Each structure stands twice: as structure tokens, then as C-alpha cells.
Amino acid sequence: MMKAKPASSTAESLRRLIEVRAYLIWERDGRPHGRHSEHWAQAEKEILGEQNAKAPAKKKPKAEAKPKPEAKPAVKRVSKTKKA
């Protein structure tokens, strides 16, 4: 049986993922000075976007279907004419 991670561990894991991604973005951009906040925001956006894409979509509850009235068999009416 799997136990859920404590919230603090999950938050720490998320922070670490963002930190690593921000570092990679910083390196990719040529290691510029003074753009830490920009790299962090970009990393956060990417990581959270990836997590949301992986999360199962919540299904909307279906409205209860109204019972359909039973179909009556088609009756073909034939007019009878009496011959005298």
C-alpha cells in the first residue's frame, strides 16, 4: 500500500523541480546576471503546466437522463368502407 507524501515533502519536491529548471533556463540564456526572477517565473510556469497536463481531467457529472416515454407501436389505420 502506497502512502501519500506529506504536504511539506511535496512542496519541497516542487520547489526543487522549479529550482533545477530555472538553473537550466539560466544556462540556456547564457548565464545572464540579474534575471533570477524571470528565470524562476518561467520555470514555475513550465513545471506547473506540465503537471496540469499530466493530471487526469475531472469529468463533469452527467445530468440525470429523463426516462423516455415508451414508444407505442405504430398502428396503421385502414378505413373500411361497407359495400351495400
N, C-alpha and C. Protein backbone atom coordinates (compact mmCIF):
# COMPACT_ATOMS: atom_id res chain seq x y z
N MET A 1 0.85 -1.18 0.00
CA MET A 1 0.00 0.00 0.00
C MET A 1 0.89 1.24 0.00
N MET A 2 0.61 2.18 -0.93
CA MET A 2 1.41 3.39 -1.03
C MET A 2 0.86 4.46 -0.10
N LYS A 3 1.76 5.14 0.55
CA LYS A 3 1.35 6.26 1.40
C LYS A 3 1.54 7.55 0.63
N ALA A 4 0.64 8.49 0.85
CA ALA A 4 0.77 9.81 0.20
C ALA A 4 1.92 10.55 0.86
N LYS A 5 2.63 11.34 0.06
CA LYS A 5 3.72 12.15 0.60
C LYS A 5 3.13 13.26 1.47
N PRO A 6 3.82 13.59 2.55
CA PRO A 6 3.35 14.73 3.34
C PRO A 6 3.39 15.99 2.50
N ALA A 7 2.52 16.93 2.79
CA ALA A 7 2.42 18.16 2.01
C ALA A 7 3.75 18.90 1.95
N SER A 8 4.50 18.93 3.05
CA SER A 8 5.78 19.65 3.06
C SER A 8 6.77 18.99 2.11
N SER A 9 6.75 17.67 2.02
CA SER A 9 7.65 16.96 1.11
C SER A 9 7.26 17.23 -0.33
N THR A 10 5.98 17.27 -0.61
CA THR A 10 5.50 17.56 -1.96
C THR A 10 5.87 18.99 -2.36
N ALA A 11 5.68 19.92 -1.45
CA ALA A 11 6.02 21.32 -1.72
C ALA A 11 7.52 21.46 -1.94
N GLU A 12 8.31 20.76 -1.16
CA GLU A 12 9.76 20.81 -1.30
C GLU A 12 10.18 20.20 -2.64
N SER A 13 9.54 19.12 -3.05
CA SER A 13 9.85 18.50 -4.34
C SER A 13 9.53 19.45 -5.48
N LEU A 14 8.40 20.12 -5.39
CA LEU A 14 8.01 21.08 -6.41
C LEU A 14 9.00 22.24 -6.47
N ARG A 15 9.39 22.75 -5.31
CA ARG A 15 10.35 23.84 -5.26
C ARG A 15 11.67 23.42 -5.89
N ARG A 16 12.10 22.20 -5.63
CA ARG A 16 13.37 21.70 -6.17
C ARG A 16 13.29 21.55 -7.70
N LEU A 17 12.15 21.05 -8.19
CA LEU A 17 11.97 20.94 -9.65
C LEU A 17 12.06 22.31 -10.32
N ILE A 18 11.42 23.28 -9.72
CA ILE A 18 11.43 24.64 -10.27
C ILE A 18 12.85 25.21 -10.22
N GLU A 19 13.54 24.97 -9.11
CA GLU A 19 14.91 25.46 -8.95
C GLU A 19 15.83 24.91 -10.05
N VAL A 20 15.75 23.62 -10.29
CA VAL A 20 16.58 22.99 -11.31
C VAL A 20 16.23 23.52 -12.70
N ARG A 21 14.93 23.63 -12.97
CA ARG A 21 14.51 24.15 -14.29
C ARG A 21 14.96 25.59 -14.47
N ALA A 22 14.86 26.41 -13.44
CA ALA A 22 15.30 27.81 -13.52
C ALA A 22 16.80 27.87 -13.82
N TYR A 23 17.57 26.99 -13.20
CA TYR A 23 19.00 26.94 -13.45
C TYR A 23 19.28 26.58 -14.91
N LEU A 24 18.56 25.59 -15.42
CA LEU A 24 18.75 25.19 -16.82
C LEU A 24 18.37 26.32 -17.79
N ILE A 25 17.32 27.04 -17.46
CA ILE A 25 16.91 28.19 -18.30
C ILE A 25 17.99 29.26 -18.25
N TRP A 26 18.54 29.51 -17.06
CA TRP A 26 19.61 30.50 -16.89
C TRP A 26 20.83 30.13 -17.75
N GLU A 27 21.19 28.84 -17.70
CA GLU A 27 22.32 28.38 -18.52
C GLU A 27 22.02 28.53 -20.01
N ARG A 28 20.82 28.15 -20.40
CA ARG A 28 20.42 28.22 -21.81
C ARG A 28 20.47 29.66 -22.32
N ASP A 29 20.12 30.60 -21.45
CA ASP A 29 20.11 32.02 -21.82
C ASP A 29 21.49 32.67 -21.75
N GLY A 30 22.53 31.87 -21.50
CA GLY A 30 23.88 32.42 -21.48
C GLY A 30 24.33 32.92 -20.12
N ARG A 31 23.68 32.48 -19.06
CA ARG A 31 24.03 32.83 -17.68
C ARG A 31 24.04 34.33 -17.42
N PRO A 32 22.98 35.02 -17.82
CA PRO A 32 22.95 36.47 -17.60
C PRO A 32 22.80 36.81 -16.11
N HIS A 33 23.34 37.93 -15.72
CA HIS A 33 23.26 38.39 -14.33
C HIS A 33 21.97 39.19 -14.12
N GLY A 34 21.31 38.98 -12.97
CA GLY A 34 20.18 39.82 -12.58
C GLY A 34 18.83 39.42 -13.14
N ARG A 35 18.69 38.22 -13.70
CA ARG A 35 17.40 37.81 -14.26
C ARG A 35 16.83 36.59 -13.53
N HIS A 36 17.23 36.45 -12.27
CA HIS A 36 16.79 35.30 -11.47
C HIS A 36 15.27 35.18 -11.42
N SER A 37 14.60 36.28 -11.15
CA SER A 37 13.13 36.26 -11.02
C SER A 37 12.46 35.84 -12.34
N GLU A 38 13.00 36.33 -13.44
CA GLU A 38 12.45 35.97 -14.76
C GLU A 38 12.62 34.47 -15.03
N HIS A 39 13.79 33.94 -14.72
CA HIS A 39 14.04 32.52 -14.94
C HIS A 39 13.18 31.66 -14.01
N TRP A 40 13.03 32.09 -12.78
CA TRP A 40 12.22 31.35 -11.82
C TRP A 40 10.75 31.31 -12.28
N ALA A 41 10.24 32.47 -12.72
CA ALA A 41 8.85 32.54 -13.17
C ALA A 41 8.63 31.64 -14.38
N GLN A 42 9.58 31.64 -15.31
CA GLN A 42 9.47 30.79 -16.49
C GLN A 42 9.49 29.31 -16.10
N ALA A 43 10.39 28.96 -15.19
CA ALA A 43 10.49 27.57 -14.74
C ALA A 43 9.20 27.14 -14.03
N GLU A 44 8.68 28.00 -13.20
CA GLU A 44 7.45 27.71 -12.46
C GLU A 44 6.29 27.48 -13.44
N LYS A 45 6.20 28.34 -14.44
CA LYS A 45 5.14 28.23 -15.44
C LYS A 45 5.25 26.89 -16.19
N GLU A 46 6.46 26.52 -16.58
CA GLU A 46 6.66 25.27 -17.31
C GLU A 46 6.34 24.05 -16.45
N ILE A 47 6.86 24.02 -15.24
CA ILE A 47 6.66 22.86 -14.36
C ILE A 47 5.18 22.69 -14.02
N LEU A 48 4.52 23.77 -13.62
CA LEU A 48 3.11 23.68 -13.26
C LEU A 48 2.26 23.32 -14.48
N GLY A 49 2.62 23.83 -15.65
CA GLY A 49 1.91 23.49 -16.88
C GLY A 49 2.03 22.01 -17.20
N GLU A 50 3.23 21.46 -17.00
CA GLU A 50 3.45 20.03 -17.25
C GLU A 50 2.64 19.19 -16.26
N GLN A 51 2.62 19.61 -15.01
CA GLN A 51 1.87 18.85 -14.01
C GLN A 51 0.38 18.88 -14.29
N ASN A 52 -0.12 20.04 -14.72
CA ASN A 52 -1.55 20.14 -15.04
C ASN A 52 -1.91 19.29 -16.25
N ALA A 53 -0.98 19.20 -17.20
CA ALA A 53 -1.24 18.40 -18.40
C ALA A 53 -1.28 16.91 -18.06
N LYS A 54 -0.52 16.49 -17.05
CA LYS A 54 -0.48 15.09 -16.66
C LYS A 54 -1.66 14.71 -15.77
N ALA A 55 -2.23 15.68 -15.08
CA ALA A 55 -3.32 15.39 -14.14
C ALA A 55 -4.54 14.91 -14.90
N PRO A 56 -5.22 13.91 -14.38
CA PRO A 56 -6.44 13.44 -15.06
C PRO A 56 -7.50 14.52 -15.05
N ALA A 57 -8.17 14.65 -16.16
CA ALA A 57 -9.23 15.65 -16.27
C ALA A 57 -10.41 15.23 -15.41
N LYS A 58 -10.97 16.20 -14.74
CA LYS A 58 -12.15 15.91 -13.93
C LYS A 58 -13.35 15.88 -14.85
N LYS A 59 -14.12 14.82 -14.71
CA LYS A 59 -15.31 14.69 -15.54
C LYS A 59 -16.47 15.40 -14.86
N LYS A 60 -17.25 16.07 -15.68
CA LYS A 60 -18.44 16.73 -15.16
C LYS A 60 -19.49 15.65 -14.92
N PRO A 61 -20.20 15.76 -13.81
CA PRO A 61 -21.25 14.77 -13.59
C PRO A 61 -22.33 14.93 -14.65
N LYS A 62 -22.75 13.82 -15.16
CA LYS A 62 -23.79 13.86 -16.19
C LYS A 62 -25.13 14.16 -15.53
N ALA A 63 -25.93 14.95 -16.22
CA ALA A 63 -27.27 15.22 -15.72
C ALA A 63 -28.06 13.93 -15.81
N GLU A 64 -28.92 13.75 -14.85
CA GLU A 64 -29.71 12.52 -14.88
C GLU A 64 -30.57 12.51 -16.13
N ALA A 65 -30.54 11.39 -16.79
CA ALA A 65 -31.33 11.25 -18.00
C ALA A 65 -32.79 11.07 -17.60
N LYS A 66 -33.63 11.83 -18.27
CA LYS A 66 -35.05 11.69 -18.00
C LYS A 66 -35.54 10.43 -18.71
N PRO A 67 -36.36 9.66 -18.04
CA PRO A 67 -36.84 8.45 -18.71
C PRO A 67 -37.70 8.83 -19.92
N LYS A 68 -37.43 8.14 -21.01
CA LYS A 68 -38.19 8.40 -22.22
C LYS A 68 -39.51 7.64 -22.13
N PRO A 69 -40.59 8.27 -22.59
CA PRO A 69 -41.84 7.53 -22.58
C PRO A 69 -41.72 6.36 -23.55
N GLU A 70 -42.35 5.29 -23.17
CA GLU A 70 -42.27 4.11 -24.03
C GLU A 70 -42.94 4.40 -25.36
N ALA A 71 -42.31 3.93 -26.38
CA ALA A 71 -42.87 4.14 -27.72
C ALA A 71 -44.04 3.20 -27.91
N LYS A 72 -45.10 3.76 -28.42
CA LYS A 72 -46.27 2.93 -28.70
C LYS A 72 -46.10 2.36 -30.10
N PRO A 73 -46.52 1.16 -30.30
CA PRO A 73 -46.38 0.59 -31.64
C PRO A 73 -47.23 1.38 -32.63
N ALA A 74 -46.67 1.53 -33.80
CA ALA A 74 -47.38 2.27 -34.83
C ALA A 74 -48.60 1.45 -35.26
N VAL A 75 -49.72 2.13 -35.33
CA VAL A 75 -50.95 1.45 -35.74
C VAL A 75 -51.34 2.04 -37.08
N LYS A 76 -51.51 1.16 -38.01
CA LYS A 76 -51.91 1.61 -39.33
C LYS A 76 -53.42 1.53 -39.38
N ARG A 77 -54.02 2.66 -39.58
CA ARG A 77 -55.49 2.67 -39.63
C ARG A 77 -55.94 2.49 -41.06
N VAL A 78 -56.81 1.58 -41.20
CA VAL A 78 -57.37 1.32 -42.53
C VAL A 78 -58.83 1.65 -42.46
N SER A 79 -59.25 2.50 -43.36
CA SER A 79 -60.67 2.83 -43.33
C SER A 79 -61.43 1.71 -44.05
N LYS A 80 -62.46 1.29 -43.42
CA LYS A 80 -63.28 0.23 -44.00
C LYS A 80 -64.54 0.87 -44.58
N THR A 81 -64.74 0.59 -45.79
CA THR A 81 -65.95 1.07 -46.42
C THR A 81 -66.85 -0.12 -46.64
N LYS A 82 -68.06 0.10 -46.30
CA LYS A 82 -69.03 -1.01 -46.47
C LYS A 82 -69.66 -0.90 -47.83
N LYS A 83 -69.72 -2.04 -48.45
CA LYS A 83 -70.40 -2.10 -49.75
C LYS A 83 -71.83 -2.47 -49.50
N ALA A 84 -72.68 -1.82 -50.17
CA ALA A 84 -74.08 -2.09 -49.98
C ALA A 84 -74.62 -3.10 -50.94
